[in-house]
Amino acid sequence: MRPYIICMTEANYGDLKTVPYPVRNGSYALGTAASLFVKNKQWKHNTVINVHLTGDDLLKEFVQQTITTHMPPLGVEFAFVDDWDRSHIRVALGMLTNGNWSYLGTDALSISRNEYTMMIFNATNETTILHEFGHALGLHHEHLHPNANILWNKEAVYDELMSSQGWSRGYIDTQMFNHSDDYLATEFDPKSIMMYYIPTAWTLDDSVYYPNNVFTNEDVQALQQLYPPDPTQEKHTHPYYPSIDLFTVIVVSFVVIEAVVLSALIFKWYMNPKRNKVSVPI
């Protein structure tokens, strides 16, 4: 069997399998692993996304060269920065990692700023690097495309992944079989760089699926639909925090106003000189 790489995208989808990943100071935190693509994870148009890489200098150089060489023209661009605190995406490379995974799109902005938002163990593999940066731009795992129509040999997949990855059947369903209706761009692309390697043992019709080594034309089309390139517009640094919708602003404002009013009433009562006086009958 051809060796395959299991990639886990990161998002908060409730009670799924948790996996440890190192935070900035070398201790560990818990994240929730999931692979579903959710709409509205796109970065703002005509912005620069700052990326901080942690790892061996040769690995960092290879990752930067891979992105520079293979990333198509888009309405956003990656800039590699040395300053952790100026980064939107924080990537651990090589032996600093516990595998290959990335948060989806702007979910990275919601992650504590002392934590990584992507890990690339196979940091000398162009396919793995581009796959994870595809997730960082918001791309879905291609085998979960609603039109994939893969004839899965589910029991074989369960047996393999429960044994090799320690996943539960429910988590395997989420990671491998549950289609998403929120897929945004092109038709199913069996050669997409976002495709898992699927061996013949995992399919009932002995089909095999190999991801392309770099972005396919369909991958590029999908990315350029999400981020239409516009060379006439100057790009600026993306905001460092998630966008807040109007409803959230109104609710938060209402709660703050209520808290201020209540505090004022309590303070007024506390300062009232009569509050501690007790009338004693004569």
C-alpha atoms as a PDB file:
ATOM      1  CA  MET A   1       0.000   0.000   0.000  1.00  0.00           C
ATOM      2  CA  ARG A   2       1.261   3.475  -0.821  1.00  0.00           C
ATOM      3  CA  PRO A   3       1.974   5.425   2.375  1.00  0.00           C
ATOM      4  CA  TYR A   4      -0.645   8.067   3.023  1.00  0.00           C
ATOM      5  CA  ILE A   5      -0.688  11.177   5.163  1.00  0.00           C
ATOM      6  CA  ILE A   6      -3.626  11.883   7.435  1.00  0.00           C
ATOM      7  CA  CYS A   7      -4.374  15.591   7.614  1.00  0.00           C
ATOM      8  CA  MET A   8      -6.706  17.006  10.247  1.00  0.00           C
ATOM      9  CA  THR A   9      -8.175  20.442   9.788  1.00  0.00           C
ATOM     10  CA  GLU A  10      -8.956  22.233  13.020  1.00  0.00           C
ATOM     11  CA  ALA A  11     -12.262  23.822  13.980  1.00  0.00           C
ATOM     12  CA  ASN A  12     -14.686  23.821  16.878  1.00  0.00           C
ATOM     13  CA  TYR A  13     -17.432  21.356  16.011  1.00  0.00           C
ATOM     14  CA  GLY A  14     -18.435  20.066  19.421  1.00  0.00           C
ATOM     15  CA  ASP A  15     -17.547  16.737  20.944  1.00  0.00           C
ATOM     16  CA  LEU A  16     -15.156  15.284  18.391  1.00  0.00           C
ATOM     17  CA  LYS A  17     -11.801  13.709  19.013  1.00  0.00           C
ATOM     18  CA  THR A  18      -9.363  16.036  20.750  1.00  0.00           C
ATOM     19  CA  VAL A  19      -5.692  16.064  19.814  1.00  0.00           C
ATOM     20  CA  PRO A  20      -2.810  17.719  21.687  1.00  0.00           C
ATOM     21  CA  TYR A  21      -0.720  20.352  19.995  1.00  0.00           C
ATOM     22  CA  PRO A  22       2.142  22.421  21.417  1.00  0.00           C
ATOM     23  CA  VAL A  23       1.613  26.043  22.327  1.00  0.00           C
ATOM     24  CA  ARG A  24       4.275  28.686  22.087  1.00  0.00           C
ATOM     25  CA  ASN A  25       6.005  27.924  25.389  1.00  0.00           C
ATOM     26  CA  GLY A  26       6.280  24.204  24.624  1.00  0.00           C
ATOM     27  CA  SER A  27       3.454  23.029  26.873  1.00  0.00           C
ATOM     28  CA  TYR A  28       0.316  21.437  25.465  1.00  0.00           C
ATOM     29  CA  ALA A  29      -3.264  22.466  24.887  1.00  0.00           C
ATOM     30  CA  LEU A  30      -6.257  20.588  23.529  1.00  0.00           C
ATOM     31  CA  GLY A  31      -7.863  21.329  20.193  1.00  0.00           C
ATOM     32  CA  THR A  32     -10.825  19.757  18.442  1.00  0.00           C
ATOM     33  CA  ALA A  33     -10.070  18.068  15.141  1.00  0.00           C
ATOM     34  CA  ALA A  34     -12.554  18.219  12.310  1.00  0.00           C
ATOM     35  CA  SER A  35     -12.457  18.332   8.525  1.00  0.00           C
ATOM     36  CA  LEU A  36     -15.672  20.048   7.474  1.00  0.00           C
ATOM     37  CA  PHE A  37     -15.458  23.229   5.451  1.00  0.00           C
ATOM     38  CA  VAL A  38     -17.713  26.017   6.702  1.00  0.00           C
ATOM     39  CA  LYS A  39     -18.648  29.052   4.617  1.00  0.00           C
ATOM     40  CA  ASN A  40     -17.583  32.562   5.554  1.00  0.00           C
ATOM     41  CA  LYS A  41     -14.021  31.589   6.397  1.00  0.00           C
ATOM     42  CA  GLN A  42     -12.546  33.740   3.619  1.00  0.00           C
ATOM     43  CA  TRP A  43      -9.930  36.356   4.382  1.00  0.00           C
ATOM     44  CA  LYS A  44     -10.741  39.946   3.454  1.00  0.00           C
ATOM     45  CA  HIS A  45     -10.069  40.824  -0.172  1.00  0.00           C
ATOM     46  CA  ASN A  46      -6.859  42.646  -1.120  1.00  0.00           C
ATOM     47  CA  THR A  47      -5.107  41.874   2.153  1.00  0.00           C
ATOM     48  CA  VAL A  48      -1.771  40.439   3.246  1.00  0.00           C
ATOM     49  CA  ILE A  49      -1.827  37.431   5.591  1.00  0.00           C
ATOM     50  CA  ASN A  50       1.261  37.331   7.818  1.00  0.00           C
ATOM     51  CA  VAL A  51       2.741  33.877   8.448  1.00  0.00           C
ATOM     52  CA  HIS A  52       5.279  33.038  11.154  1.00  0.00           C
ATOM     53  CA  LEU A  53       7.257  29.818  10.745  1.00  0.00           C
ATOM     54  CA  THR A  54       8.894  28.001  13.668  1.00  0.00           C
ATOM     55  CA  GLY A  55      11.444  25.296  12.926  1.00  0.00           C
ATOM     56  CA  ASP A  56      14.746  24.548  11.250  1.00  0.00           C
ATOM     57  CA  ASP A  57      15.960  27.326   8.915  1.00  0.00           C
ATOM     58  CA  LEU A  58      16.182  24.929   5.954  1.00  0.00           C
ATOM     59  CA  LEU A  59      12.574  23.851   6.490  1.00  0.00           C
ATOM     60  CA  LYS A  60      11.423  27.452   6.741  1.00  0.00           C
ATOM     61  CA  GLU A  61      13.243  28.305   3.526  1.00  0.00           C
ATOM     62  CA  PHE A  62      11.682  25.315   1.728  1.00  0.00           C
ATOM     63  CA  VAL A  63       8.144  26.225   2.850  1.00  0.00           C
ATOM     64  CA  GLN A  64       8.575  29.842   1.754  1.00  0.00           C
ATOM     65  CA  GLN A  65       9.968  28.764  -1.619  1.00  0.00           C
ATOM     66  CA  THR A  66       7.097  26.311  -2.123  1.00  0.00           C
ATOM     67  CA  ILE A  67       4.447  28.971  -1.462  1.00  0.00           C
ATOM     68  CA  THR A  68       6.254  31.565  -3.578  1.00  0.00           C
ATOM     69  CA  THR A  69       6.585  29.134  -6.500  1.00  0.00           C
ATOM     70  CA  HIS A  70       3.190  27.440  -6.516  1.00  0.00           C
ATOM     71  CA  MET A  71       0.631  29.820  -5.018  1.00  0.00           C
ATOM     72  CA  PRO A  72      -1.446  31.279  -7.885  1.00  0.00           C
ATOM     73  CA  PRO A  73      -2.257  35.003  -8.193  1.00  0.00           C
ATOM     74  CA  LEU A  74      -5.006  35.757  -5.674  1.00  0.00           C
ATOM     75  CA  GLY A  75      -6.777  38.655  -4.042  1.00  0.00           C
ATOM     76  CA  VAL A  76      -4.804  37.843  -0.887  1.00  0.00           C
ATOM     77  CA  GLU A  77      -1.138  37.021  -0.422  1.00  0.00           C
ATOM     78  CA  PHE A  78       1.053  35.424   2.226  1.00  0.00           C
ATOM     79  CA  ALA A  79       3.931  37.352   3.784  1.00  0.00           C
ATOM     80  CA  PHE A  80       6.445  35.523   5.983  1.00  0.00           C
ATOM     81  CA  VAL A  81       7.351  37.499   9.094  1.00  0.00           C
ATOM     82  CA  ASP A  82       9.834  36.943  11.909  1.00  0.00           C
ATOM     83  CA  ASP A  83       7.657  38.607  14.542  1.00  0.00           C
ATOM     84  CA  TRP A  84       5.269  36.076  16.118  1.00  0.00           C
ATOM     85  CA  ASP A  85       3.050  38.893  17.428  1.00  0.00           C
ATOM     86  CA  ARG A  86       2.532  40.302  13.907  1.00  0.00           C
ATOM     87  CA  SER A  87       1.348  36.958  12.487  1.00  0.00           C
ATOM     88  CA  HIS A  88      -2.136  35.799  11.526  1.00  0.00           C
ATOM     89  CA  ILE A  89      -1.006  32.213  10.919  1.00  0.00           C
ATOM     90  CA  ARG A  90       1.592  30.500  13.121  1.00  0.00           C
ATOM     91  CA  VAL A  91       3.167  27.340  11.715  1.00  0.00           C
ATOM     92  CA  ALA A  92       5.273  24.693  13.463  1.00  0.00           C
ATOM     93  CA  LEU A  93       7.493  22.611  11.185  1.00  0.00           C
ATOM     94  CA  GLY A  94       9.138  19.195  11.301  1.00  0.00           C
ATOM     95  CA  MET A  95       9.882  17.621  14.657  1.00  0.00           C
ATOM     96  CA  LEU A  96       8.119  20.442  16.538  1.00  0.00           C
ATOM     97  CA  THR A  97       4.773  19.064  15.351  1.00  0.00           C
ATOM     98  CA  ASN A  98       2.383  16.203  16.031  1.00  0.00           C
ATOM     99  CA  GLY A  99       1.279  15.772  12.413  1.00  0.00           C
ATOM    100  CA  ASN A 100      -0.156  17.765   9.525  1.00  0.00           C
ATOM    101  CA  TRP A 101      -3.179  19.984  10.134  1.00  0.00           C
ATOM    102  CA  SER A 102      -4.446  23.538   9.829  1.00  0.00           C
ATOM    103  CA  TYR A 103      -7.321  25.668  11.011  1.00  0.00           C
ATOM    104  CA  LEU A 104      -9.726  26.619   8.251  1.00  0.00           C
ATOM    105  CA  GLY A 105      -9.370  30.127   6.827  1.00  0.00           C
ATOM    106  CA  THR A 106     -10.071  32.937   9.277  1.00  0.00           C
ATOM    107  CA  ASP A 107     -10.696  30.489  12.122  1.00  0.00           C
ATOM    108  CA  ALA A 108      -6.987  31.092  12.740  1.00  0.00           C
ATOM    109  CA  LEU A 109      -7.858  34.579  14.006  1.00  0.00           C
ATOM    110  CA  SER A 110      -9.948  33.099  16.827  1.00  0.00           C
ATOM    111  CA  ILE A 111      -7.084  31.008  18.200  1.00  0.00           C
ATOM    112  CA  SER A 112      -5.141  32.146  21.249  1.00  0.00           C
ATOM    113  CA  ARG A 113      -2.129  34.099  20.076  1.00  0.00           C
ATOM    114  CA  ASN A 114       0.267  31.851  22.010  1.00  0.00           C
ATOM    115  CA  GLU A 115      -0.808  28.793  19.982  1.00  0.00           C
ATOM    116  CA  TYR A 116       0.026  27.463  16.541  1.00  0.00           C
ATOM    117  CA  THR A 117      -2.679  27.528  13.886  1.00  0.00           C
ATOM    118  CA  MET A 118      -0.980  25.050  11.536  1.00  0.00           C
ATOM    119  CA  MET A 119       1.463  22.164  11.805  1.00  0.00           C
ATOM    120  CA  ILE A 120       3.438  20.572   8.988  1.00  0.00           C
ATOM    121  CA  PHE A 121       5.418  17.498   9.955  1.00  0.00           C
ATOM    122  CA  ASN A 122       6.295  16.708   6.317  1.00  0.00           C
ATOM    123  CA  ALA A 123       7.817  20.126   5.780  1.00  0.00           C
ATOM    124  CA  THR A 124      10.005  18.941   2.879  1.00  0.00           C
ATOM    125  CA  ASN A 125       6.988  17.737   0.911  1.00  0.00           C
ATOM    126  CA  GLU A 126       5.495  20.326  -1.454  1.00  0.00           C
ATOM    127  CA  THR A 127       2.156  18.513  -1.646  1.00  0.00           C
ATOM    128  CA  THR A 128       1.684  18.537   2.131  1.00  0.00           C
ATOM    129  CA  ILE A 129       2.699  22.197   2.392  1.00  0.00           C
ATOM    130  CA  LEU A 130       0.296  23.311  -0.339  1.00  0.00           C
ATOM    131  CA  HIS A 131      -2.496  21.119   1.087  1.00  0.00           C
ATOM    132  CA  GLU A 132      -2.224  22.748   4.518  1.00  0.00           C
ATOM    133  CA  PHE A 133      -1.986  26.273   3.094  1.00  0.00           C
ATOM    134  CA  GLY A 134      -5.059  25.380   1.020  1.00  0.00           C
ATOM    135  CA  HIS A 135      -6.870  24.757   4.292  1.00  0.00           C
ATOM    136  CA  ALA A 136      -5.525  28.043   5.644  1.00  0.00           C
ATOM    137  CA  LEU A 137      -7.227  29.754   2.691  1.00  0.00           C
ATOM    138  CA  GLY A 138     -10.486  27.914   3.437  1.00  0.00           C
ATOM    139  CA  LEU A 139     -10.411  24.950   1.066  1.00  0.00           C
ATOM    140  CA  HIS A 140     -12.339  21.760   1.863  1.00  0.00           C
ATOM    141  CA  HIS A 141     -11.087  18.172   1.862  1.00  0.00           C
ATOM    142  CA  GLU A 142     -12.013  17.140  -1.665  1.00  0.00           C
ATOM    143  CA  HIS A 143     -13.203  13.623  -0.804  1.00  0.00           C
ATOM    144  CA  LEU A 144     -16.016  15.240   1.240  1.00  0.00           C
ATOM    145  CA  HIS A 145     -17.344  17.030  -1.848  1.00  0.00           C
ATOM    146  CA  PRO A 146     -21.102  16.246  -2.125  1.00  0.00           C
ATOM    147  CA  ASN A 147     -20.548  15.038  -5.713  1.00  0.00           C
ATOM    148  CA  ALA A 148     -17.555  12.817  -4.981  1.00  0.00           C
ATOM    149  CA  ASN A 149     -19.632   9.594  -5.165  1.00  0.00           C
ATOM    150  CA  ILE A 150     -16.794   7.455  -3.843  1.00  0.00           C
ATOM    151  CA  LEU A 151     -17.882   3.843  -3.290  1.00  0.00           C
ATOM    152  CA  TRP A 152     -16.336   3.433   0.126  1.00  0.00           C
ATOM    153  CA  ASN A 153     -15.474   0.103   1.682  1.00  0.00           C
ATOM    154  CA  LYS A 154     -16.287   1.597   5.059  1.00  0.00           C
ATOM    155  CA  GLU A 155     -15.361  -1.406   7.164  1.00  0.00           C
ATOM    156  CA  ALA A 156     -11.866  -1.446   5.640  1.00  0.00           C
ATOM    157  CA  VAL A 157     -11.484   2.261   6.371  1.00  0.00           C
ATOM    158  CA  TYR A 158     -12.728   1.818   9.941  1.00  0.00           C
ATOM    159  CA  ASP A 159     -10.315  -1.068  10.542  1.00  0.00           C
ATOM    160  CA  GLU A 160      -7.314   0.813   9.140  1.00  0.00           C
ATOM    161  CA  LEU A 161      -7.897   4.176  10.815  1.00  0.00           C
ATOM    162  CA  MET A 162      -9.016   2.789  14.167  1.00  0.00           C
ATOM    163  CA  SER A 163      -5.794   0.780  14.204  1.00  0.00           C
ATOM    164  CA  SER A 164      -3.316   3.304  12.767  1.00  0.00           C
ATOM    165  CA  GLN A 165      -4.798   6.583  14.053  1.00  0.00           C
ATOM    166  CA  GLY A 166      -6.783   5.514  17.118  1.00  0.00           C
ATOM    167  CA  TRP A 167      -9.916   7.203  15.782  1.00  0.00           C
ATOM    168  CA  SER A 168     -13.447   6.236  16.796  1.00  0.00           C
ATOM    169  CA  ARG A 169     -16.005   5.140  14.195  1.00  0.00           C
ATOM    170  CA  GLY A 170     -17.920   8.391  14.735  1.00  0.00           C
ATOM    171  CA  TYR A 171     -14.823  10.480  14.167  1.00  0.00           C
ATOM    172  CA  ILE A 172     -13.937   8.493  11.041  1.00  0.00           C
ATOM    173  CA  ASP A 173     -17.437   9.215   9.743  1.00  0.00           C
ATOM    174  CA  THR A 174     -16.819  12.930  10.259  1.00  0.00           C
ATOM    175  CA  GLN A 175     -13.322  12.905   8.804  1.00  0.00           C
ATOM    176  CA  MET A 176     -13.947  10.576   5.862  1.00  0.00           C
ATOM    177  CA  PHE A 177     -17.596  10.101   4.907  1.00  0.00           C
ATOM    178  CA  ASN A 178     -19.913  12.938   5.975  1.00  0.00           C
ATOM    179  CA  HIS A 179     -20.395  15.257   3.006  1.00  0.00           C
ATOM    180  CA  SER A 180     -20.753  18.994   3.421  1.00  0.00           C
ATOM    181  CA  ASP A 181     -23.330  21.060   1.546  1.00  0.00           C
ATOM    182  CA  ASP A 182     -21.213  24.163   2.187  1.00  0.00           C
ATOM    183  CA  TYR A 183     -18.650  23.412  -0.516  1.00  0.00           C
ATOM    184  CA  LEU A 184     -18.049  26.684  -2.299  1.00  0.00           C
ATOM    185  CA  ALA A 185     -16.323  26.472  -5.632  1.00  0.00           C
ATOM    186  CA  THR A 186     -15.743  23.967  -8.425  1.00  0.00           C
ATOM    187  CA  GLU A 187     -17.050  20.540  -9.391  1.00  0.00           C
ATOM    188  CA  PHE A 188     -15.493  17.473  -7.775  1.00  0.00           C
ATOM    189  CA  ASP A 189     -11.827  17.205  -8.722  1.00  0.00           C
ATOM    190  CA  PRO A 190     -10.417  13.708  -8.029  1.00  0.00           C
ATOM    191  CA  LYS A 191      -6.870  15.005  -8.594  1.00  0.00           C
ATOM    192  CA  SER A 192      -7.210  18.024  -6.294  1.00  0.00           C
ATOM    193  CA  ILE A 193      -4.326  18.669  -3.963  1.00  0.00           C
ATOM    194  CA  MET A 194      -6.990  18.703  -1.241  1.00  0.00           C
ATOM    195  CA  MET A 195      -7.817  15.041  -1.980  1.00  0.00           C
ATOM    196  CA  TYR A 196      -6.736  12.259   0.352  1.00  0.00           C
ATOM    197  CA  TYR A 197      -4.818   9.343  -1.069  1.00  0.00           C
ATOM    198  CA  ILE A 198      -7.449   6.574  -1.136  1.00  0.00           C
ATOM    199  CA  PRO A 199      -6.097   3.057  -1.807  1.00  0.00           C
ATOM    200  CA  THR A 200      -8.043   0.365  -3.634  1.00  0.00           C
ATOM    201  CA  ALA A 201      -8.679  -1.487  -0.364  1.00  0.00           C
ATOM    202  CA  TRP A 202     -10.817   1.441   0.772  1.00  0.00           C
ATOM    203  CA  THR A 203     -13.201   1.312  -2.210  1.00  0.00           C
ATOM    204  CA  LEU A 204     -15.746  -1.306  -3.285  1.00  0.00           C
ATOM    205  CA  ASP A 205     -14.961  -0.889  -6.992  1.00  0.00           C
ATOM    206  CA  ASP A 206     -11.159  -1.001  -6.524  1.00  0.00           C
ATOM    207  CA  SER A 207     -10.820   2.666  -7.475  1.00  0.00           C
ATOM    208  CA  VAL A 208      -7.745   4.498  -6.280  1.00  0.00           C
ATOM    209  CA  TYR A 209      -7.387   8.253  -5.803  1.00  0.00           C
ATOM    210  CA  TYR A 210      -4.089  10.137  -5.844  1.00  0.00           C
ATOM    211  CA  PRO A 211      -3.863  13.850  -5.050  1.00  0.00           C
ATOM    212  CA  ASN A 212      -1.905  15.970  -7.502  1.00  0.00           C
ATOM    213  CA  ASN A 213       1.560  17.121  -6.405  1.00  0.00           C
ATOM    214  CA  VAL A 214       0.625  20.801  -6.788  1.00  0.00           C
ATOM    215  CA  PHE A 215      -2.574  22.788  -7.252  1.00  0.00           C
ATOM    216  CA  THR A 216      -4.653  21.530 -10.180  1.00  0.00           C
ATOM    217  CA  ASN A 217      -6.331  23.916 -12.603  1.00  0.00           C
ATOM    218  CA  GLU A 218      -9.580  23.283 -10.706  1.00  0.00           C
ATOM    219  CA  ASP A 219      -7.870  24.114  -7.385  1.00  0.00           C
ATOM    220  CA  VAL A 220      -6.650  27.382  -8.872  1.00  0.00           C
ATOM    221  CA  GLN A 221     -10.122  28.125 -10.224  1.00  0.00           C
ATOM    222  CA  ALA A 222     -11.643  27.520  -6.781  1.00  0.00           C
ATOM    223  CA  LEU A 223      -9.083  29.756  -5.062  1.00  0.00           C
ATOM    224  CA  GLN A 224      -9.543  32.526  -7.597  1.00  0.00           C
ATOM    225  CA  GLN A 225     -13.315  32.372  -7.155  1.00  0.00           C
ATOM    226  CA  LEU A 226     -12.793  32.823  -3.423  1.00  0.00           C
ATOM    227  CA  TYR A 227     -10.106  35.484  -3.871  1.00  0.00           C
ATOM    228  CA  PRO A 228     -10.343  37.126  -7.323  1.00  0.00           C
ATOM    229  CA  PRO A 229      -6.945  38.628  -8.174  1.00  0.00           C
ATOM    230  CA  ASP A 230      -6.963  42.365  -8.751  1.00  0.00           C
ATOM    231  CA  PRO A 231      -3.477  43.685  -9.573  1.00  0.00           C
ATOM    232  CA  THR A 232      -4.763  47.266  -9.674  1.00  0.00           C
ATOM    233  CA  GLN A 233      -5.494  47.263  -5.945  1.00  0.00           C
ATOM    234  CA  GLU A 234      -2.807  47.709  -3.309  1.00  0.00           C
ATOM    235  CA  LYS A 235      -2.967  45.086  -0.570  1.00  0.00           C
ATOM    236  CA  HIS A 236      -2.939  45.998   3.114  1.00  0.00           C
ATOM    237  CA  THR A 237      -2.376  43.931   6.231  1.00  0.00           C
ATOM    238  CA  HIS A 238      -5.391  41.885   7.259  1.00  0.00           C
ATOM    239  CA  PRO A 239      -6.963  42.770  10.645  1.00  0.00           C
ATOM    240  CA  TYR A 240      -5.592  40.608  13.449  1.00  0.00           C
ATOM    241  CA  TYR A 241      -8.934  39.802  15.032  1.00  0.00           C
ATOM    242  CA  PRO A 242     -12.131  38.170  13.724  1.00  0.00           C
ATOM    243  CA  SER A 243     -14.809  40.366  12.191  1.00  0.00           C
ATOM    244  CA  ILE A 244     -17.788  40.947  14.486  1.00  0.00           C
ATOM    245  CA  ASP A 245     -21.259  41.025  12.957  1.00  0.00           C
ATOM    246  CA  LEU A 246     -23.726  43.842  13.710  1.00  0.00           C
ATOM    247  CA  PHE A 247     -26.005  41.634  15.814  1.00  0.00           C
ATOM    248  CA  THR A 248     -23.109  40.698  18.101  1.00  0.00           C
ATOM    249  CA  VAL A 249     -22.151  44.376  18.457  1.00  0.00           C
ATOM    250  CA  ILE A 250     -25.736  45.287  19.440  1.00  0.00           C
ATOM    251  CA  VAL A 251     -26.020  42.451  21.968  1.00  0.00           C
ATOM    252  CA  VAL A 252     -22.637  43.188  23.549  1.00  0.00           C
ATOM    253  CA  SER A 253     -23.434  46.914  23.687  1.00  0.00           C
ATOM    254  CA  PHE A 254     -26.772  46.210  25.378  1.00  0.00           C
ATOM    255  CA  VAL A 255     -25.106  43.989  27.997  1.00  0.00           C
ATOM    256  CA  VAL A 256     -22.427  46.603  28.684  1.00  0.00           C
ATOM    257  CA  ILE A 257     -25.015  49.388  29.068  1.00  0.00           C
ATOM    258  CA  GLU A 258     -27.061  47.240  31.468  1.00  0.00           C
ATOM    259  CA  ALA A 259     -23.936  46.506  33.512  1.00  0.00           C
ATOM    260  CA  VAL A 260     -23.044  50.212  33.705  1.00  0.00           C
ATOM    261  CA  VAL A 261     -26.568  51.208  34.771  1.00  0.00           C
ATOM    262  CA  LEU A 262     -26.704  48.468  37.402  1.00  0.00           C
ATOM    263  CA  SER A 263     -23.286  49.471  38.735  1.00  0.00           C
ATOM    264  CA  ALA A 264     -24.430  53.095  38.985  1.00  0.00           C
ATOM    265  CA  LEU A 265     -27.563  52.114  40.931  1.00  0.00           C
ATOM    266  CA  ILE A 266     -25.538  49.961  43.337  1.00  0.00           C
ATOM    267  CA  PHE A 267     -23.028  52.773  43.845  1.00  0.00           C
ATOM    268  CA  LYS A 268     -25.845  55.282  44.487  1.00  0.00           C
ATOM    269  CA  TRP A 269     -27.408  52.955  47.048  1.00  0.00           C
ATOM    270  CA  TYR A 270     -24.051  52.357  48.729  1.00  0.00           C
ATOM    271  CA  MET A 271     -23.340  56.094  49.017  1.00  0.00           C
ATOM    272  CA  ASN A 272     -26.775  56.891  50.442  1.00  0.00           C
ATOM    273  CA  PRO A 273     -26.127  58.039  54.069  1.00  0.00           C
ATOM    274  CA  LYS A 274     -29.518  56.745  55.169  1.00  0.00           C
ATOM    275  CA  ARG A 275     -28.929  53.166  54.103  1.00  0.00           C
ATOM    276  CA  ASN A 276     -27.390  52.104  57.463  1.00  0.00           C
ATOM    277  CA  LYS A 277     -29.708  54.053  59.707  1.00  0.00           C
ATOM    278  CA  VAL A 278     -32.245  52.069  61.692  1.00  0.00           C
ATOM    279  CA  SER A 279     -35.299  53.651  63.278  1.00  0.00           C
ATOM    280  CA  VAL A 280     -35.560  52.708  66.932  1.00  0.00           C
ATOM    281  CA  PRO A 281     -38.957  53.100  68.539  1.00  0.00           C
ATOM    282  CA  ILE A 282     -39.000  55.291  71.667  1.00  0.00           C
END
